[in-house]
């Protein structure tokens, strides 16, 4: 189903909002695109960007090969699962919609006789500002299929008794609602509740020190955005990085919502898609990823909540106490998941991502297209191993695939006491107040995905 309706009066009113405070910069004329002597490029030669859209990637494009069959630790049975899920595919925010509209106008007015420009400019932007930032129908389907797979894989855990916790944003609440429909298992009387907890899932919005420090941590991103790789990202044009990002996201949106390659994608070559992907990864790496330990530590409440569930499950199992939720699913954002992954010690590179090492980082670990697409999921599975030692093990799955647990090096499961000890400072001593105090939220730069 197409993302629908038109901008109409809404865009006319908002197209000159103060975000576009420097029209002379944003309205960089696409002189090369306007040329009529640019050689034509066959559509078969054009890239579609699949697998290079960073946090705007489709879940299926992040899966390299099929999802592996799940294998737990030998001699153990699953006791509890806690998952942190990113919301499904969503519509662009209103500011992104405005930039998309502005970029289209530039192409339409400066494209001249260039056939590609004419084809791109003829594309109607069917966007609905009334649904800006909301979960799309395809996003709801992604979550539905994901939770259905989890229910089949862990039938004794993921079911009607699943506890669901969500960010207050509608795209997360609606993702939880999509999961709830699956977990009813045909019983319309079963209504798993969705609890709202922004302290745990929108910690990034409540941590002034992280927000205030964000601006100075954009140095590498800003430098790369002005460099030759980004300037040459388009086949026929050069433009401001923020409008270039709008064109990049228009291509991603068409693929995301309709599964088709848009003419907007033809503006980029393969090198351009990789440069735009790296530009996004630079931002996330320095603002939310392994480079920013304060941002990682700000997810302490979420990690503490996760281990609190496991501790309760272990104690409840020992005493055979009922009432412990066999599965807990948290529905949040990319900003929820990336700091948590960093806190767990995942995706740390031997060298930092910088504006200068794009070429050498082509095979980097920190690639959001792979680990944080829409509907990305981190699953922690607690196992009971009977009388063996240790009695409980923890396994980590990212996007439904087992991954090595940092405390246990290459192993995909780890003794629970060992994991607990590895994160003891975060679990027992870290406080959100200590991490986030002494900041000024009023001047914060909020980046929301």
Protein backbone atom coordinates (compact mmCIF):
# COMPACT_ATOMS: atom_id res chain seq x y z
CA UNK A 1 0.00 0.00 0.00
CA UNK A 2 1.39 3.38 -0.98
CA UNK A 3 2.17 6.05 1.55
CA UNK A 4 -0.65 8.35 0.68
CA UNK A 5 -2.33 11.78 0.52
CA UNK A 6 -0.64 15.05 -0.44
CA UNK A 7 1.11 17.86 1.32
CA UNK A 8 -1.41 20.47 0.17
CA UNK A 9 -1.61 23.60 2.31
CA UNK A 10 0.42 22.07 5.13
CA UNK A 11 3.63 22.08 3.14
CA UNK A 12 2.96 25.51 1.66
CA UNK A 13 2.71 26.93 5.15
CA UNK A 14 5.70 25.08 6.58
CA UNK A 15 8.10 25.13 3.63
CA UNK A 16 9.78 28.28 4.92
CA UNK A 17 10.09 27.27 8.55
CA UNK A 18 13.15 28.50 10.35
CA UNK A 19 14.98 25.21 9.88
CA UNK A 20 15.68 26.40 6.38
CA UNK A 21 17.38 29.49 7.70
CA UNK A 22 19.89 29.65 4.86
CA UNK A 23 18.03 29.19 1.55
CA UNK A 24 21.05 30.25 -0.45
CA UNK A 25 22.91 27.24 0.95
CA UNK A 26 20.10 24.70 0.74
CA UNK A 27 19.06 25.77 -2.75
CA UNK A 28 22.39 24.85 -4.30
CA UNK A 29 21.69 24.75 -8.01
CA UNK A 30 22.14 21.34 -9.55
CA UNK A 31 24.18 22.68 -12.46
CA UNK A 32 25.49 19.33 -13.55
CA UNK A 33 22.03 17.81 -13.43
CA UNK A 34 20.78 20.63 -15.64
CA UNK A 35 23.23 19.86 -18.40
CA UNK A 36 21.82 18.23 -21.50
CA UNK A 37 25.14 16.69 -22.56
CA UNK A 38 25.37 14.29 -19.62
CA UNK A 39 25.55 10.77 -21.06
CA UNK A 40 22.53 8.60 -20.46
CA UNK A 41 22.88 5.73 -18.01
CA UNK A 42 21.02 2.49 -18.48
CA UNK A 43 18.66 1.66 -15.62
CA UNK A 44 20.26 -1.78 -15.40
CA UNK A 45 23.54 -0.02 -14.53
CA UNK A 46 21.98 1.86 -11.62
CA UNK A 47 22.21 0.73 -8.00
CA UNK A 48 19.11 0.65 -5.80
CA UNK A 49 20.89 1.07 -2.46
CA UNK A 50 19.55 -2.17 -1.03
CA UNK A 51 21.44 -2.98 2.15
CA UNK A 52 22.96 0.52 2.42
CA UNK A 53 20.24 2.62 4.03
CA UNK A 54 21.54 2.52 7.60
CA UNK A 55 18.78 2.79 10.19
CA UNK A 56 16.26 3.29 7.37
CA UNK A 57 16.96 -0.21 6.03
CA UNK A 58 14.31 -2.88 5.71
CA UNK A 59 14.70 -5.79 8.10
CA UNK A 60 14.88 -8.36 5.29
CA UNK A 61 17.73 -6.47 3.62
CA UNK A 62 19.81 -6.67 6.80
CA UNK A 63 19.60 -10.45 6.89
CA UNK A 64 22.66 -11.85 5.17
CA UNK A 65 21.38 -15.29 4.26
CA UNK A 66 18.53 -17.06 6.01
CA UNK A 67 17.83 -16.76 9.72
CA UNK A 68 19.66 -19.59 11.44
CA UNK A 69 17.77 -22.33 13.19
CA UNK A 70 17.91 -21.60 16.87
CA UNK A 71 20.07 -23.96 18.96
CA UNK A 72 20.25 -23.48 22.73
CA UNK A 73 22.95 -24.68 25.13
CA UNK A 74 23.09 -28.46 25.39
CA UNK A 75 21.20 -29.91 28.35
CA UNK A 76 19.38 -26.65 29.10
CA UNK A 77 15.78 -25.47 28.70
CA UNK A 78 14.69 -21.86 28.12
CA UNK A 79 13.41 -20.21 31.29
CA UNK A 80 12.78 -16.62 30.18
CA UNK A 81 13.32 -14.35 27.20
CA UNK A 82 13.69 -10.57 27.28
CA UNK A 83 13.72 -8.72 23.98
CA UNK A 84 14.44 -5.11 23.03
CA UNK A 85 12.78 -4.41 19.69
CA UNK A 86 12.99 -1.36 17.50
CA UNK A 87 9.67 -0.23 16.03
CA UNK A 88 8.78 -1.31 12.51
CA UNK A 89 9.05 0.74 9.32
CA UNK A 90 7.63 4.21 9.68
CA UNK A 91 6.80 7.29 7.64
CA UNK A 92 9.29 10.20 7.57
CA UNK A 93 9.02 12.96 10.15
CA UNK A 94 7.52 16.27 9.04
CA UNK A 95 10.94 17.94 8.73
CA UNK A 96 12.21 15.13 6.51
CA UNK A 97 9.06 15.44 4.39
CA UNK A 98 9.72 19.14 3.92
CA UNK A 99 13.28 18.52 2.78
CA UNK A 100 12.12 15.85 0.35
CA UNK A 101 9.66 18.30 -1.15
CA UNK A 102 12.32 20.98 -1.37
CA UNK A 103 14.78 18.69 -3.12
CA UNK A 104 12.15 17.70 -5.67
CA UNK A 105 11.48 21.38 -6.42
CA UNK A 106 15.19 21.98 -7.01
CA UNK A 107 15.39 19.11 -9.47
CA UNK A 108 12.23 20.27 -11.24
CA UNK A 109 13.46 23.85 -11.68
CA UNK A 110 17.11 23.20 -12.54
CA UNK A 111 16.98 19.90 -14.38
CA UNK A 112 16.59 21.46 -17.80
CA UNK A 113 16.59 18.95 -20.63
CA UNK A 114 18.25 16.14 -18.73
CA UNK A 115 16.07 13.05 -19.08
CA UNK A 116 16.89 11.67 -15.64
CA UNK A 117 16.04 15.00 -14.03
CA UNK A 118 12.73 15.08 -15.89
CA UNK A 119 11.91 11.54 -14.81
CA UNK A 120 12.76 12.27 -11.18
CA UNK A 121 10.86 15.57 -11.14
CA UNK A 122 7.76 13.87 -12.53
CA UNK A 123 7.52 11.63 -9.46
CA UNK A 124 4.68 12.69 -7.20
CA UNK A 125 5.50 12.76 -3.50
CA UNK A 126 2.57 10.95 -1.96
CA UNK A 127 3.25 11.80 1.65
CA UNK A 128 0.76 12.45 4.40
CA UNK A 129 1.91 14.96 7.04
CA UNK A 130 -0.89 13.68 9.25
CA UNK A 131 0.99 10.38 9.55
CA UNK A 132 4.47 11.83 9.91
CA UNK A 133 6.66 9.58 12.05
CA UNK A 134 3.94 6.93 12.44
CA UNK A 135 4.22 3.18 11.92
CA UNK A 136 3.38 2.17 8.36
CA UNK A 137 1.32 -0.84 7.36
CA UNK A 138 4.49 -2.60 6.20
CA UNK A 139 6.08 -1.82 9.56
CA UNK A 140 3.19 -3.45 11.40
CA UNK A 141 3.51 -6.52 9.18
CA UNK A 142 7.24 -6.76 9.91
CA UNK A 143 6.59 -6.78 13.66
CA UNK A 144 3.76 -9.29 13.27
CA UNK A 145 5.96 -11.71 11.33
CA UNK A 146 8.86 -11.27 13.76
CA UNK A 147 6.80 -11.97 16.88
CA UNK A 148 5.10 -14.91 15.15
CA UNK A 149 8.54 -16.42 14.47
CA UNK A 150 9.57 -15.88 18.10
CA UNK A 151 6.36 -17.53 19.26
CA UNK A 152 7.05 -20.57 17.08
CA UNK A 153 10.67 -20.74 18.19
CA UNK A 154 9.90 -20.29 21.90
CA UNK A 155 6.30 -21.56 22.22
CA UNK A 156 6.70 -22.19 25.95
CA UNK A 157 7.75 -18.57 26.56
CA UNK A 158 6.35 -16.17 23.94
CA UNK A 159 2.58 -16.29 24.21
CA UNK A 160 -0.46 -14.63 25.78
CA UNK A 161 1.40 -14.08 29.08
CA UNK A 162 4.11 -11.98 27.44
CA UNK A 163 4.69 -8.66 29.18
CA UNK A 164 5.01 -5.75 26.75
CA UNK A 165 6.61 -2.40 27.52
CA UNK A 166 6.69 0.48 25.06
CA UNK A 167 7.97 3.98 24.50
CA UNK A 168 5.15 6.52 24.46
CA UNK A 169 5.71 7.27 20.76
CA UNK A 170 2.86 6.00 18.62
CA UNK A 171 5.14 4.01 16.28
CA UNK A 172 6.33 1.97 19.28
CA UNK A 173 2.88 1.60 20.86
CA UNK A 174 1.49 0.50 17.49
CA UNK A 175 4.34 -1.99 17.08
CA UNK A 176 3.46 -3.45 20.48
CA UNK A 177 -0.20 -3.59 19.43
CA UNK A 178 0.78 -5.55 16.30
CA UNK A 179 2.67 -8.00 18.51
CA UNK A 180 -0.30 -8.26 20.84
CA UNK A 181 -2.56 -9.36 17.98
CA UNK A 182 -0.20 -12.24 17.25
CA UNK A 183 0.06 -13.32 20.87
CA UNK A 184 -3.70 -13.62 21.30
CA UNK A 185 -3.39 -16.86 19.31
CA UNK A 186 -6.94 -16.59 18.06
CA UNK A 187 -8.42 -15.88 21.48
CA UNK A 188 -10.09 -12.45 21.30
CA UNK A 189 -10.54 -12.43 25.09
CA UNK A 190 -6.78 -12.36 25.66
CA UNK A 191 -5.54 -8.77 25.86
CA UNK A 192 -1.87 -8.54 26.88
CA UNK A 193 -1.35 -5.08 28.35
CA UNK A 194 1.16 -2.61 26.93
CA UNK A 195 2.94 -0.64 29.64
CA UNK A 196 4.49 2.75 28.82
CA UNK A 197 7.92 3.42 30.31
CA UNK A 198 9.86 6.32 28.82
CA UNK A 199 12.37 6.32 31.67
CA UNK A 200 13.64 2.97 30.44
CA UNK A 201 13.03 3.29 26.69
CA UNK A 202 13.53 7.00 25.99
CA UNK A 203 16.46 7.57 28.34
CA UNK A 204 18.22 9.46 25.52
CA UNK A 205 15.50 12.09 25.72
CA UNK A 206 16.00 12.53 29.46
CA UNK A 207 19.77 12.75 29.70
CA UNK A 208 20.80 16.43 29.41
CA UNK A 209 24.54 15.80 29.48
CA UNK A 210 24.38 13.45 26.51
CA UNK A 211 22.25 15.90 24.57
CA UNK A 212 24.41 18.94 25.34
CA UNK A 213 27.59 17.08 24.38
CA UNK A 214 26.07 15.95 21.08
CA UNK A 215 27.03 19.05 19.09
CA UNK A 216 30.75 18.78 19.74
CA UNK A 217 30.63 15.07 18.87
CA UNK A 218 29.43 15.82 15.32
CA UNK A 219 32.92 16.84 14.14
CA UNK A 220 33.62 13.71 12.06
CA UNK A 221 30.11 13.66 10.63
CA UNK A 222 30.32 17.33 9.61
CA UNK A 223 33.77 16.86 8.10
CA UNK A 224 32.71 13.87 6.00
CA UNK A 225 29.49 15.61 4.92
CA UNK A 226 31.63 18.34 3.32
CA UNK A 227 34.12 15.94 1.75
CA UNK A 228 34.50 14.65 -1.77
CA UNK A 229 32.80 11.28 -1.16
CA UNK A 230 29.52 12.97 -0.20
CA UNK A 231 29.90 15.72 -2.80
CA UNK A 232 30.22 13.03 -5.46
CA UNK A 233 27.44 10.83 -4.07
CA UNK A 234 25.00 11.77 -6.83
CA UNK A 235 25.63 10.67 -10.40
CA UNK A 236 24.94 14.04 -11.92
CA UNK A 237 24.73 16.54 -9.11
CA UNK A 238 26.22 18.11 -6.05
CA UNK A 239 24.11 19.64 -3.32
CA UNK A 240 23.92 20.42 0.39
CA UNK A 241 24.37 17.33 2.58
CA UNK A 242 20.99 17.64 4.29
CA UNK A 243 19.11 17.84 0.99
CA UNK A 244 21.27 15.03 -0.34
CA UNK A 245 20.11 12.99 2.65
CA UNK A 246 16.51 13.79 1.67
CA UNK A 247 17.07 12.31 -1.80
CA UNK A 248 18.74 9.27 -0.22
CA UNK A 249 15.78 8.75 2.11
CA UNK A 250 13.30 9.19 -0.75
CA UNK A 251 14.98 6.26 -2.45
CA UNK A 252 14.86 4.27 0.82
CA UNK A 253 11.20 5.15 1.35
CA UNK A 254 10.05 3.86 -2.03
CA UNK A 255 11.90 0.59 -1.51
CA UNK A 256 10.65 0.32 2.08
CA UNK A 257 6.98 0.95 1.39
CA UNK A 258 6.50 -0.47 -2.10
CA UNK A 259 9.42 -2.84 -2.59
CA UNK A 260 10.33 -1.07 -5.83
CA UNK A 261 13.29 0.95 -7.02
CA UNK A 262 12.42 4.61 -7.33
CA UNK A 263 13.87 7.00 -9.94
CA UNK A 264 15.26 8.83 -6.91
CA UNK A 265 17.65 5.90 -6.51
CA UNK A 266 18.98 6.52 -10.02
CA UNK A 267 20.51 9.77 -8.81
CA UNK A 268 23.08 7.72 -6.86
CA UNK A 269 25.80 5.36 -7.93
CA UNK A 270 26.99 2.48 -5.76
CA UNK A 271 29.81 4.54 -4.30
CA UNK A 272 27.28 7.24 -3.47
CA UNK A 273 25.06 4.83 -1.54
CA UNK A 274 28.05 3.60 0.45
CA UNK A 275 29.14 7.17 1.21
CA UNK A 276 25.67 8.12 2.44
CA UNK A 277 25.52 4.98 4.57
CA UNK A 278 28.89 5.85 6.10
CA UNK A 279 27.74 9.42 6.75
CA UNK A 280 24.86 8.05 8.82
CA UNK A 281 27.09 5.56 10.61
CA UNK A 282 29.49 8.34 11.58
CA UNK A 283 26.65 10.18 13.28
CA UNK A 284 25.43 7.13 15.18
CA UNK A 285 28.94 5.96 16.10
CA UNK A 286 29.89 9.28 17.69
CA UNK A 287 26.51 10.21 19.18
CA UNK A 288 25.05 6.86 20.26
CA UNK A 289 27.64 4.19 19.62
CA UNK A 290 30.89 2.80 21.06
CA UNK A 291 32.69 6.14 20.87
CA UNK A 292 30.30 7.81 23.32
CA UNK A 293 30.53 5.98 26.63
CA UNK A 294 28.21 8.42 28.37
CA UNK A 295 25.49 7.65 25.84
CA UNK A 296 26.06 3.92 26.37
CA UNK A 297 25.96 4.33 30.15
CA UNK A 298 22.70 6.30 29.90
CA UNK A 299 21.01 3.01 28.94
CA UNK A 300 21.81 1.67 32.44
CA UNK A 301 18.15 1.68 33.52
CA UNK A 302 17.25 -0.59 30.63
CA UNK A 303 20.05 -3.06 31.36
CA UNK A 304 19.13 -3.03 35.04
CA UNK A 305 15.49 -3.74 34.16
CA UNK A 306 16.50 -6.66 31.94
CA UNK A 307 18.63 -8.30 34.62
CA UNK A 308 15.98 -7.64 37.24
CA UNK A 309 13.62 -9.81 35.19
CA UNK A 310 16.23 -12.57 35.03
CA UNK A 311 16.96 -12.42 38.76
CA UNK A 312 13.24 -12.68 39.50
CA UNK A 313 12.86 -15.59 37.09
CA UNK A 314 15.73 -17.47 38.73
CA UNK A 315 14.40 -16.91 42.24
CA UNK A 316 10.84 -17.68 41.19
CA UNK A 317 11.94 -20.88 39.48
CA UNK A 318 13.82 -22.01 42.58
CA UNK A 319 10.76 -21.45 44.72
CA UNK A 320 8.31 -22.54 42.02
CA UNK A 321 6.52 -19.23 42.35
CA UNK A 322 3.93 -18.33 39.69
CA UNK A 323 3.46 -14.85 38.26
CA UNK A 324 6.87 -14.38 36.61
CA UNK A 325 6.42 -13.30 32.98
CA UNK A 326 8.03 -15.94 30.74
CA UNK A 327 8.70 -13.29 28.09
CA UNK A 328 9.17 -9.52 28.24
CA UNK A 329 9.28 -7.45 25.05
CA UNK A 330 10.42 -3.82 25.07
CA UNK A 331 9.47 -1.66 22.06
CA UNK A 332 11.76 1.31 21.54
CA UNK A 333 13.88 3.18 19.02
CA UNK A 334 17.25 3.02 17.31
CA UNK A 335 18.42 5.42 20.01
CA UNK A 336 17.29 2.83 22.56
CA UNK A 337 19.05 -0.09 20.94
CA UNK A 338 22.39 1.36 19.79
CA UNK A 339 23.52 2.61 23.24
CA UNK A 340 22.45 -0.70 24.81
CA UNK A 341 24.49 -2.68 22.27
CA UNK A 342 27.45 -0.41 23.04
CA UNK A 343 27.00 -0.93 26.78
CA UNK A 344 27.06 -4.70 26.19
CA UNK A 345 30.41 -4.31 24.42
CA UNK A 346 29.22 -5.07 20.88
CA UNK A 347 30.42 -3.60 17.56
CA UNK A 348 33.56 -2.03 18.93
CA UNK A 349 36.10 -1.41 16.18
CA UNK A 350 39.87 -1.52 16.58
CA UNK A 351 39.95 2.03 15.23
CA UNK A 352 37.34 4.78 15.38
CA UNK A 353 35.22 5.66 12.38
CA UNK A 354 36.44 9.03 11.08
CA UNK A 355 35.90 11.29 8.09
CA UNK A 356 39.33 10.27 6.80
CA UNK A 357 39.07 6.47 6.87
CA UNK A 358 35.94 5.77 4.81
CA UNK A 359 37.84 3.50 2.40
CA UNK A 360 39.51 1.43 5.11
CA UNK A 361 36.21 1.06 7.01
CA UNK A 362 34.27 -0.61 4.20
CA UNK A 363 34.22 -3.86 6.19
CA UNK A 364 33.58 -2.21 9.56
CA UNK A 365 31.75 -3.92 12.40
CA UNK A 366 29.68 -0.83 13.16
CA UNK A 367 27.27 -0.89 10.20
CA UNK A 368 23.74 0.13 11.20
CA UNK A 369 22.33 -1.26 7.94
CA UNK A 370 23.20 -4.70 9.30
CA UNK A 371 22.41 -4.49 13.01
CA UNK A 372 19.85 -1.69 13.42
CA UNK A 373 17.31 -1.69 10.56
CA UNK A 374 13.63 -1.17 11.21
CA UNK A 375 12.34 -3.98 13.52
CA UNK A 376 15.86 -4.72 14.77
CA UNK A 377 15.78 -6.91 17.85
CA UNK A 378 18.12 -7.89 20.66
CA UNK A 379 16.98 -11.06 22.42
CA UNK A 380 18.46 -12.29 25.69
CA UNK A 381 17.44 -15.85 26.53
CA UNK A 382 17.92 -17.22 30.04
CA UNK A 383 18.33 -21.01 30.33
CA UNK A 384 17.91 -23.37 33.22
CA UNK A 385 20.48 -26.15 33.06
CA UNK A 386 19.28 -28.37 35.89
CA UNK A 387 21.89 -29.53 38.36
CA UNK A 388 24.80 -28.85 36.05
CA UNK A 389 27.22 -26.05 36.82
CA UNK A 390 26.44 -23.29 36.21
CA UNK A 391 22.72 -23.78 36.68
CA UNK A 392 21.79 -20.87 34.42
CA UNK A 393 23.18 -19.65 31.12
CA UNK A 394 22.40 -16.58 29.03
CA UNK A 395 22.34 -16.47 25.27
CA UNK A 396 22.37 -13.38 23.06
CA UNK A 397 20.58 -13.16 19.72
CA UNK A 398 20.69 -10.13 17.45
CA UNK A 399 18.08 -10.00 14.71
CA UNK A 400 17.23 -13.62 15.53
CA UNK A 401 20.79 -14.92 15.14
CA UNK A 402 23.08 -16.05 17.98
CA UNK A 403 26.11 -13.80 18.39
CA UNK A 404 29.19 -14.11 20.61
CA UNK A 405 28.71 -12.82 24.13
CA UNK A 406 31.56 -10.40 25.04
CA UNK A 407 32.18 -11.86 28.55
CA UNK A 408 32.69 -15.31 27.02
CA UNK A 409 34.64 -14.31 23.91
CA UNK A 410 33.57 -16.52 20.98
CA UNK A 411 30.89 -18.49 22.84
CA UNK A 412 27.24 -17.78 22.02
CA UNK A 413 26.10 -18.59 25.54
CA UNK A 414 27.62 -17.62 28.85
CA UNK A 415 27.15 -18.60 32.52
CA UNK A 416 24.68 -16.15 34.01
CA UNK A 417 26.84 -15.36 37.08
CA UNK A 418 29.73 -14.50 34.76
CA UNK A 419 27.62 -12.08 32.72
CA UNK A 420 26.25 -10.52 35.88
CA UNK A 421 29.76 -10.03 37.25
CA UNK A 422 30.95 -8.54 33.94
CA UNK A 423 28.27 -5.83 34.18
CA UNK A 424 28.35 -5.54 37.99
CA UNK A 425 29.24 -1.85 38.04
CA UNK A 426 26.31 -0.98 35.75
CA UNK A 427 23.89 -3.29 37.53
CA UNK A 428 24.83 -2.50 41.13
CA UNK A 429 26.43 0.96 41.21
CA UNK A 430 25.50 3.01 38.13
CA UNK A 431 22.72 5.55 38.51
CA UNK A 432 21.01 7.46 35.74
CA UNK A 433 21.33 10.67 37.74
CA UNK A 434 25.11 10.34 38.02
CA UNK A 435 25.45 9.76 34.28
CA UNK A 436 23.11 12.52 33.16
CA UNK A 437 23.24 15.32 35.72
CA UNK A 438 24.72 18.80 35.12
CA UNK A 439 23.32 19.26 31.64
CA UNK A 440 21.14 21.80 29.88
CA UNK A 441 18.35 20.06 27.97
CA UNK A 442 16.99 23.30 26.53
CA UNK A 443 19.81 23.54 24.00
CA UNK A 444 19.85 19.83 23.24
CA UNK A 445 20.05 18.56 19.69
CA UNK A 446 17.59 15.69 19.54
CA UNK A 447 18.15 13.08 16.88
CA UNK A 448 15.27 10.69 16.59
CA UNK A 449 15.07 7.57 14.50
